[in-house]
């Protein structure tokens, strides 16, 4: 947990540890997608698995920068990687969309009209 996450969690109060832990996890997940390059990767992978070469063609950043962003998404357990020869195929983790939706404030509350 980085310093900004620790500050945000401490604002929730120490009395509700489980809620604070959920909030910390939600903040970390949302921080992982709060970058235009990572969002673009997720948007492309929402259509299905892609080879890293396809991602490089569609996202206009240097290869090493794309690798960094893919690493952040893998560490957040939003993207999986499978080696195929000298290429790597990336895919969204099965529950990625559900976890992202659940990370939003109010997601666990019923919608009332």
C-alpha atoms as a PDB file:
ATOM      1  CA  UNK A   1       0.000   0.000   0.000  1.00  0.00           C
ATOM      2  CA  UNK A   2       1.519   3.351  -0.965  1.00  0.00           C
ATOM      3  CA  UNK A   3       1.329   6.502   1.181  1.00  0.00           C
ATOM      4  CA  UNK A   4      -1.680   8.006  -0.618  1.00  0.00           C
ATOM      5  CA  UNK A   5      -3.665   4.796  -0.177  1.00  0.00           C
ATOM      6  CA  UNK A   6      -2.721   4.658   3.512  1.00  0.00           C
ATOM      7  CA  UNK A   7      -3.933   8.231   4.018  1.00  0.00           C
ATOM      8  CA  UNK A   8      -7.218   7.505   2.238  1.00  0.00           C
ATOM      9  CA  UNK A   9      -7.767   4.357   4.289  1.00  0.00           C
ATOM     10  CA  UNK A  10      -6.937   6.144   7.552  1.00  0.00           C
ATOM     11  CA  UNK A  11      -9.658   8.693   6.761  1.00  0.00           C
ATOM     12  CA  UNK A  12     -12.207   5.877   6.914  1.00  0.00           C
ATOM     13  CA  UNK A  13     -11.428   5.252  10.557  1.00  0.00           C
ATOM     14  CA  UNK A  14      -9.689   2.410  12.304  1.00  0.00           C
ATOM     15  CA  UNK A  15     -12.905   1.100  13.902  1.00  0.00           C
ATOM     16  CA  UNK A  16     -14.130  -0.525  10.717  1.00  0.00           C
ATOM     17  CA  UNK A  17     -11.119  -2.577   9.606  1.00  0.00           C
ATOM     18  CA  UNK A  18     -12.930  -4.766   7.069  1.00  0.00           C
ATOM     19  CA  UNK A  19     -14.448  -1.748   5.378  1.00  0.00           C
ATOM     20  CA  UNK A  20     -11.069  -0.034   5.335  1.00  0.00           C
ATOM     21  CA  UNK A  21      -9.467  -3.135   3.787  1.00  0.00           C
ATOM     22  CA  UNK A  22     -12.146  -3.258   1.068  1.00  0.00           C
ATOM     23  CA  UNK A  23     -11.674   0.446   0.424  1.00  0.00           C
ATOM     24  CA  UNK A  24      -7.907   0.024   0.139  1.00  0.00           C
ATOM     25  CA  UNK A  25      -8.364  -2.793  -2.361  1.00  0.00           C
ATOM     26  CA  UNK A  26     -10.857  -0.739  -4.363  1.00  0.00           C
ATOM     27  CA  UNK A  27      -8.550   2.278  -4.414  1.00  0.00           C
ATOM     28  CA  UNK A  28      -5.602   0.148  -5.562  1.00  0.00           C
ATOM     29  CA  UNK A  29      -7.692  -1.399  -8.327  1.00  0.00           C
ATOM     30  CA  UNK A  30      -8.994   1.951  -9.528  1.00  0.00           C
ATOM     31  CA  UNK A  31      -5.482   3.425  -9.433  1.00  0.00           C
ATOM     32  CA  UNK A  32      -4.341   0.604 -11.710  1.00  0.00           C
ATOM     33  CA  UNK A  33      -6.880   1.587 -14.387  1.00  0.00           C
ATOM     34  CA  UNK A  34      -6.641   5.359 -13.900  1.00  0.00           C
ATOM     35  CA  UNK A  35      -4.193   5.839 -16.755  1.00  0.00           C
ATOM     36  CA  UNK A  36      -5.186   6.422 -20.388  1.00  0.00           C
ATOM     37  CA  UNK A  37      -2.793   3.766 -21.707  1.00  0.00           C
ATOM     38  CA  UNK A  38      -3.979   1.104 -19.260  1.00  0.00           C
ATOM     39  CA  UNK A  39      -7.601   2.029 -19.952  1.00  0.00           C
ATOM     40  CA  UNK A  40      -6.943   1.637 -23.696  1.00  0.00           C
ATOM     41  CA  UNK A  41      -5.410  -1.796 -23.091  1.00  0.00           C
ATOM     42  CA  UNK A  42      -8.451  -2.894 -21.098  1.00  0.00           C
ATOM     43  CA  UNK A  43     -10.771  -1.535 -23.781  1.00  0.00           C
ATOM     44  CA  UNK A  44      -8.987  -3.535 -26.495  1.00  0.00           C
ATOM     45  CA  UNK A  45      -8.853  -6.702 -24.388  1.00  0.00           C
ATOM     46  CA  UNK A  46     -12.585  -6.414 -23.633  1.00  0.00           C
ATOM     47  CA  UNK A  47     -13.112  -7.584 -27.247  1.00  0.00           C
ATOM     48  CA  UNK A  48     -10.996 -10.694 -26.625  1.00  0.00           C
ATOM     49  CA  UNK A  49      -7.408 -11.847 -26.067  1.00  0.00           C
ATOM     50  CA  UNK A  50      -4.703 -10.114 -28.096  1.00  0.00           C
ATOM     51  CA  UNK A  51      -1.079 -10.714 -28.910  1.00  0.00           C
ATOM     52  CA  UNK A  52       1.265  -8.066 -27.567  1.00  0.00           C
ATOM     53  CA  UNK A  53       2.137  -7.262 -31.192  1.00  0.00           C
ATOM     54  CA  UNK A  54      -1.529  -6.308 -31.789  1.00  0.00           C
ATOM     55  CA  UNK A  55      -1.511  -4.092 -28.726  1.00  0.00           C
ATOM     56  CA  UNK A  56       1.687  -2.388 -29.904  1.00  0.00           C
ATOM     57  CA  UNK A  57       0.050  -1.582 -33.246  1.00  0.00           C
ATOM     58  CA  UNK A  58      -3.062  -0.108 -31.632  1.00  0.00           C
ATOM     59  CA  UNK A  59      -1.560   1.814 -28.702  1.00  0.00           C
ATOM     60  CA  UNK A  60       0.900   4.541 -29.734  1.00  0.00           C
ATOM     61  CA  UNK A  61       3.502   4.234 -26.965  1.00  0.00           C
ATOM     62  CA  UNK A  62       7.034   2.843 -26.842  1.00  0.00           C
ATOM     63  CA  UNK A  63       7.288  -0.905 -26.323  1.00  0.00           C
ATOM     64  CA  UNK A  64       8.954  -0.601 -22.936  1.00  0.00           C
ATOM     65  CA  UNK A  65       6.207   1.744 -21.729  1.00  0.00           C
ATOM     66  CA  UNK A  66       3.507  -0.642 -22.935  1.00  0.00           C
ATOM     67  CA  UNK A  67       5.276  -3.463 -21.090  1.00  0.00           C
ATOM     68  CA  UNK A  68       5.239  -1.401 -17.907  1.00  0.00           C
ATOM     69  CA  UNK A  69       1.501  -0.727 -18.200  1.00  0.00           C
ATOM     70  CA  UNK A  70       0.796  -4.409 -18.885  1.00  0.00           C
ATOM     71  CA  UNK A  71       2.824  -5.295 -15.784  1.00  0.00           C
ATOM     72  CA  UNK A  72       0.710  -2.927 -13.663  1.00  0.00           C
ATOM     73  CA  UNK A  73      -2.475  -4.536 -15.003  1.00  0.00           C
ATOM     74  CA  UNK A  74      -1.094  -8.057 -14.356  1.00  0.00           C
ATOM     75  CA  UNK A  75      -0.116  -7.129 -10.794  1.00  0.00           C
ATOM     76  CA  UNK A  76      -3.648  -5.792 -10.230  1.00  0.00           C
ATOM     77  CA  UNK A  77      -4.897  -9.188 -11.454  1.00  0.00           C
ATOM     78  CA  UNK A  78      -6.921  -7.598 -14.250  1.00  0.00           C
ATOM     79  CA  UNK A  79      -4.939  -9.087 -17.141  1.00  0.00           C
ATOM     80  CA  UNK A  80      -3.380 -12.503 -17.667  1.00  0.00           C
ATOM     81  CA  UNK A  81      -0.426 -13.301 -19.916  1.00  0.00           C
ATOM     82  CA  UNK A  82       0.308 -16.495 -21.830  1.00  0.00           C
ATOM     83  CA  UNK A  83       3.555 -17.100 -23.687  1.00  0.00           C
ATOM     84  CA  UNK A  84       3.242 -18.389 -27.251  1.00  0.00           C
ATOM     85  CA  UNK A  85       6.693 -18.875 -28.728  1.00  0.00           C
ATOM     86  CA  UNK A  86       8.340 -15.475 -28.671  1.00  0.00           C
ATOM     87  CA  UNK A  87       5.024 -13.638 -28.337  1.00  0.00           C
ATOM     88  CA  UNK A  88       2.832 -13.077 -25.324  1.00  0.00           C
ATOM     89  CA  UNK A  89      -0.951 -13.130 -25.505  1.00  0.00           C
ATOM     90  CA  UNK A  90      -2.882 -10.953 -23.058  1.00  0.00           C
ATOM     91  CA  UNK A  91      -6.484 -11.368 -21.915  1.00  0.00           C
ATOM     92  CA  UNK A  92      -8.782  -9.878 -19.329  1.00  0.00           C
ATOM     93  CA  UNK A  93      -9.078 -11.988 -16.212  1.00  0.00           C
ATOM     94  CA  UNK A  94     -12.544 -13.530 -16.086  1.00  0.00           C
ATOM     95  CA  UNK A  95     -13.846 -11.431 -13.169  1.00  0.00           C
ATOM     96  CA  UNK A  96     -12.048  -8.181 -14.051  1.00  0.00           C
ATOM     97  CA  UNK A  97     -15.162  -6.267 -15.120  1.00  0.00           C
ATOM     98  CA  UNK A  98     -17.115  -7.377 -12.045  1.00  0.00           C
ATOM     99  CA  UNK A  99     -14.271  -6.417  -9.698  1.00  0.00           C
ATOM    100  CA  UNK A 100     -13.932  -2.995 -11.319  1.00  0.00           C
ATOM    101  CA  UNK A 101     -17.666  -2.358 -11.059  1.00  0.00           C
ATOM    102  CA  UNK A 102     -17.651  -3.466  -7.412  1.00  0.00           C
ATOM    103  CA  UNK A 103     -14.758  -1.081  -6.661  1.00  0.00           C
ATOM    104  CA  UNK A 104     -16.895   1.954  -7.435  1.00  0.00           C
ATOM    105  CA  UNK A 105     -18.429   3.729  -4.432  1.00  0.00           C
ATOM    106  CA  UNK A 106     -22.035   2.712  -3.931  1.00  0.00           C
ATOM    107  CA  UNK A 107     -21.721  -0.388  -6.089  1.00  0.00           C
ATOM    108  CA  UNK A 108     -22.885  -2.672  -3.279  1.00  0.00           C
ATOM    109  CA  UNK A 109     -25.947  -0.555  -2.499  1.00  0.00           C
ATOM    110  CA  UNK A 110     -29.242  -1.237  -4.259  1.00  0.00           C
ATOM    111  CA  UNK A 111     -30.273   1.366  -6.798  1.00  0.00           C
ATOM    112  CA  UNK A 112     -33.392   3.249  -5.779  1.00  0.00           C
ATOM    113  CA  UNK A 113     -35.491   5.513  -7.974  1.00  0.00           C
END
